[in-house]
Amino acid sequence: MQDARTRCKAVRSPRGAKVTEIDWGDGHTGIYPHTILRGYCPCAGCQGHTGTISFIEPSGDIQTELDQIEPVGNYALRLVWFDGHGSGLYSYKYLRALCHCDECRPGSMKDDRGELPRM
């Protein structure tokens, strides 16, 4: 049985939004600034094949506006950005760790850009 903390119930990311919201099975609503989602893209092209995942500041022609969000089975979302980048699969466990709501990342923690384990 899937953990309610990592069971995605609904995703909201209207066209032009700068933030995506995810409702989780335990009643939590996660907040995901697009800069964070793109900066922590887990794909091999952005992060390599081994080690931890580091924040890569989106700059230049890197888009932080989402074009599509596609579910991948019962375990992940594929995010496709307006610049065509879309090879990163964001597991629900990984997304839960990226949450930037006031409960998960209060105050100055919102600016923390530490490394994350691969999930």
C-alpha atoms as a PDB file:
ATOM      1  CA  MET A   1       0.000   0.000   0.000  1.00  0.00           C
ATOM      2  CA  GLN A   2       1.284   3.466  -0.907  1.00  0.00           C
ATOM      3  CA  ASP A   3       2.163   5.920   1.876  1.00  0.00           C
ATOM      4  CA  ALA A   4      -0.499   8.667   2.055  1.00  0.00           C
ATOM      5  CA  ARG A   5       2.306  11.270   2.294  1.00  0.00           C
ATOM      6  CA  THR A   6       3.403  10.376  -1.242  1.00  0.00           C
ATOM      7  CA  ARG A   7       0.027   9.668  -2.859  1.00  0.00           C
ATOM      8  CA  CYS A   8      -0.749  12.488  -5.285  1.00  0.00           C
ATOM      9  CA  LYS A   9      -4.439  13.422  -5.211  1.00  0.00           C
ATOM     10  CA  ALA A  10      -4.478  16.555  -7.416  1.00  0.00           C
ATOM     11  CA  VAL A  11      -2.092  18.934  -9.199  1.00  0.00           C
ATOM     12  CA  ARG A  12      -2.794  22.612  -9.909  1.00  0.00           C
ATOM     13  CA  SER A  13      -0.554  24.629 -12.197  1.00  0.00           C
ATOM     14  CA  PRO A  14      -2.533  27.066 -14.353  1.00  0.00           C
ATOM     15  CA  ARG A  15      -0.932  28.342 -17.557  1.00  0.00           C
ATOM     16  CA  GLY A  16       1.421  31.205 -16.709  1.00  0.00           C
ATOM     17  CA  ALA A  17       1.671  30.282 -13.017  1.00  0.00           C
ATOM     18  CA  LYS A  18       4.999  30.557 -11.190  1.00  0.00           C
ATOM     19  CA  VAL A  19       4.022  27.918  -8.608  1.00  0.00           C
ATOM     20  CA  THR A  20       2.507  24.426  -8.770  1.00  0.00           C
ATOM     21  CA  GLU A  21       0.374  23.049  -5.930  1.00  0.00           C
ATOM     22  CA  ILE A  22      -0.026  19.349  -5.164  1.00  0.00           C
ATOM     23  CA  ASP A  23      -2.655  17.870  -2.839  1.00  0.00           C
ATOM     24  CA  TRP A  24      -1.285  14.805  -1.058  1.00  0.00           C
ATOM     25  CA  GLY A  25      -3.151  11.803   0.366  1.00  0.00           C
ATOM     26  CA  ASP A  26      -2.459  12.862   3.955  1.00  0.00           C
ATOM     27  CA  GLY A  27      -4.294  16.189   3.461  1.00  0.00           C
ATOM     28  CA  HIS A  28      -1.149  18.291   2.949  1.00  0.00           C
ATOM     29  CA  THR A  29      -1.029  20.817   0.092  1.00  0.00           C
ATOM     30  CA  GLY A  30       2.509  21.179  -1.244  1.00  0.00           C
ATOM     31  CA  ILE A  31       3.785  24.418  -2.770  1.00  0.00           C
ATOM     32  CA  TYR A  32       6.389  24.155  -5.560  1.00  0.00           C
ATOM     33  CA  PRO A  33       7.897  27.322  -7.036  1.00  0.00           C
ATOM     34  CA  HIS A  34       8.831  26.608 -10.647  1.00  0.00           C
ATOM     35  CA  THR A  35      12.342  27.969 -10.076  1.00  0.00           C
ATOM     36  CA  ILE A  36      12.839  25.231  -7.453  1.00  0.00           C
ATOM     37  CA  LEU A  37      11.355  22.503  -9.650  1.00  0.00           C
ATOM     38  CA  ARG A  38      13.540  23.457 -12.621  1.00  0.00           C
ATOM     39  CA  GLY A  39      16.654  24.050 -10.507  1.00  0.00           C
ATOM     40  CA  TYR A  40      16.323  20.614  -8.938  1.00  0.00           C
ATOM     41  CA  CYS A  41      15.483  18.811 -12.194  1.00  0.00           C
ATOM     42  CA  PRO A  42      16.496  15.207 -11.490  1.00  0.00           C
ATOM     43  CA  CYS A  43      17.311  14.206 -15.082  1.00  0.00           C
ATOM     44  CA  ALA A  44      20.749  12.873 -16.009  1.00  0.00           C
ATOM     45  CA  GLY A  45      21.311  15.781 -18.407  1.00  0.00           C
ATOM     46  CA  CYS A  46      20.997  18.268 -15.544  1.00  0.00           C
ATOM     47  CA  GLN A  47      22.426  16.227 -12.654  1.00  0.00           C
ATOM     48  CA  GLY A  48      24.598  13.507 -14.163  1.00  0.00           C
ATOM     49  CA  HIS A  49      24.144   9.833 -13.388  1.00  0.00           C
ATOM     50  CA  THR A  50      25.437   9.527  -9.814  1.00  0.00           C
ATOM     51  CA  GLY A  51      25.711  11.377  -6.537  1.00  0.00           C
ATOM     52  CA  THR A  52      23.352  13.839  -4.945  1.00  0.00           C
ATOM     53  CA  ILE A  53      21.094  16.312  -6.723  1.00  0.00           C
ATOM     54  CA  SER A  54      22.226  19.937  -6.554  1.00  0.00           C
ATOM     55  CA  PHE A  55      20.280  23.101  -7.258  1.00  0.00           C
ATOM     56  CA  ILE A  56      21.241  24.569 -10.640  1.00  0.00           C
ATOM     57  CA  GLU A  57      20.124  28.194 -10.913  1.00  0.00           C
ATOM     58  CA  PRO A  58      17.890  28.599 -13.985  1.00  0.00           C
ATOM     59  CA  SER A  59      19.319  31.388 -16.131  1.00  0.00           C
ATOM     60  CA  GLY A  60      19.529  32.610 -19.709  1.00  0.00           C
ATOM     61  CA  ASP A  61      17.201  30.686 -22.007  1.00  0.00           C
ATOM     62  CA  ILE A  62      16.159  28.143 -19.356  1.00  0.00           C
ATOM     63  CA  GLN A  63      12.388  28.293 -18.942  1.00  0.00           C
ATOM     64  CA  THR A  64      10.648  28.143 -15.580  1.00  0.00           C
ATOM     65  CA  GLU A  65       7.163  28.065 -17.070  1.00  0.00           C
ATOM     66  CA  LEU A  66       5.558  24.656 -17.357  1.00  0.00           C
ATOM     67  CA  ASP A  67       4.002  23.546 -20.631  1.00  0.00           C
ATOM     68  CA  GLN A  68       2.748  20.118 -19.495  1.00  0.00           C
ATOM     69  CA  ILE A  69       2.500  17.916 -16.428  1.00  0.00           C
ATOM     70  CA  GLU A  70       2.090  14.209 -17.107  1.00  0.00           C
ATOM     71  CA  PRO A  71       1.571  11.447 -14.534  1.00  0.00           C
ATOM     72  CA  VAL A  72       3.989   8.514 -14.819  1.00  0.00           C
ATOM     73  CA  GLY A  73       2.340   5.446 -13.378  1.00  0.00           C
ATOM     74  CA  ASN A  74       1.470   5.850  -9.713  1.00  0.00           C
ATOM     75  CA  TYR A  75       4.872   7.128  -8.669  1.00  0.00           C
ATOM     76  CA  ALA A  76       5.974  10.285 -10.514  1.00  0.00           C
ATOM     77  CA  LEU A  77       5.232  13.343 -12.624  1.00  0.00           C
ATOM     78  CA  ARG A  78       6.986  14.274 -15.850  1.00  0.00           C
ATOM     79  CA  LEU A  79       7.330  18.044 -16.128  1.00  0.00           C
ATOM     80  CA  VAL A  80       7.727  19.547 -19.590  1.00  0.00           C
ATOM     81  CA  TRP A  81       8.959  23.142 -19.699  1.00  0.00           C
ATOM     82  CA  PHE A  82       8.255  25.681 -22.462  1.00  0.00           C
ATOM     83  CA  ASP A  83      11.827  25.376 -23.753  1.00  0.00           C
ATOM     84  CA  GLY A  84      11.116  21.693 -24.507  1.00  0.00           C
ATOM     85  CA  HIS A  85      13.080  20.219 -21.593  1.00  0.00           C
ATOM     86  CA  GLY A  86      11.097  17.317 -20.210  1.00  0.00           C
ATOM     87  CA  SER A  87      13.320  14.336 -19.451  1.00  0.00           C
ATOM     88  CA  GLY A  88      13.146  14.633 -15.646  1.00  0.00           C
ATOM     89  CA  LEU A  89      10.839  12.304 -13.747  1.00  0.00           C
ATOM     90  CA  TYR A  90       9.923  13.756 -10.357  1.00  0.00           C
ATOM     91  CA  SER A  91       8.952  10.889  -8.057  1.00  0.00           C
ATOM     92  CA  TYR A  92       6.216  11.696  -5.571  1.00  0.00           C
ATOM     93  CA  LYS A  93       8.690  11.025  -2.749  1.00  0.00           C
ATOM     94  CA  TYR A  94      11.131  13.510  -4.316  1.00  0.00           C
ATOM     95  CA  LEU A  95       8.391  16.126  -4.821  1.00  0.00           C
ATOM     96  CA  ARG A  96       7.331  15.818  -1.199  1.00  0.00           C
ATOM     97  CA  ALA A  97      10.949  16.564  -0.185  1.00  0.00           C
ATOM     98  CA  LEU A  98      10.939  19.682  -2.417  1.00  0.00           C
ATOM     99  CA  CYS A  99       7.816  21.197  -0.825  1.00  0.00           C
ATOM    100  CA  HIS A 100       8.230  24.919  -0.083  1.00  0.00           C
ATOM    101  CA  CYS A 101       5.066  25.567   1.928  1.00  0.00           C
ATOM    102  CA  ASP A 102       5.325  27.445   5.249  1.00  0.00           C
ATOM    103  CA  GLU A 103       4.977  24.200   7.211  1.00  0.00           C
ATOM    104  CA  CYS A 104       7.773  22.349   5.363  1.00  0.00           C
ATOM    105  CA  ARG A 105      10.144  25.294   4.787  1.00  0.00           C
ATOM    106  CA  PRO A 106       9.387  28.153   7.189  1.00  0.00           C
ATOM    107  CA  GLY A 107      11.065  31.548   6.939  1.00  0.00           C
ATOM    108  CA  SER A 108      14.685  31.549   5.831  1.00  0.00           C
ATOM    109  CA  MET A 109      14.600  27.824   5.016  1.00  0.00           C
ATOM    110  CA  LYS A 110      12.837  28.784   1.757  1.00  0.00           C
ATOM    111  CA  ASP A 111      16.178  30.136   0.511  1.00  0.00           C
ATOM    112  CA  ASP A 112      18.108  26.942   1.338  1.00  0.00           C
ATOM    113  CA  ARG A 113      19.458  25.335  -1.834  1.00  0.00           C
ATOM    114  CA  GLY A 114      21.217  22.296  -0.379  1.00  0.00           C
ATOM    115  CA  GLU A 115      21.889  18.981  -2.041  1.00  0.00           C
ATOM    116  CA  LEU A 116      19.238  16.265  -2.062  1.00  0.00           C
ATOM    117  CA  PRO A 117      19.618  12.469  -2.241  1.00  0.00           C
ATOM    118  CA  ARG A 118      18.387  10.668  -5.341  1.00  0.00           C
ATOM    119  CA  MET A 119      14.989   9.125  -4.619  1.00  0.00           C
END
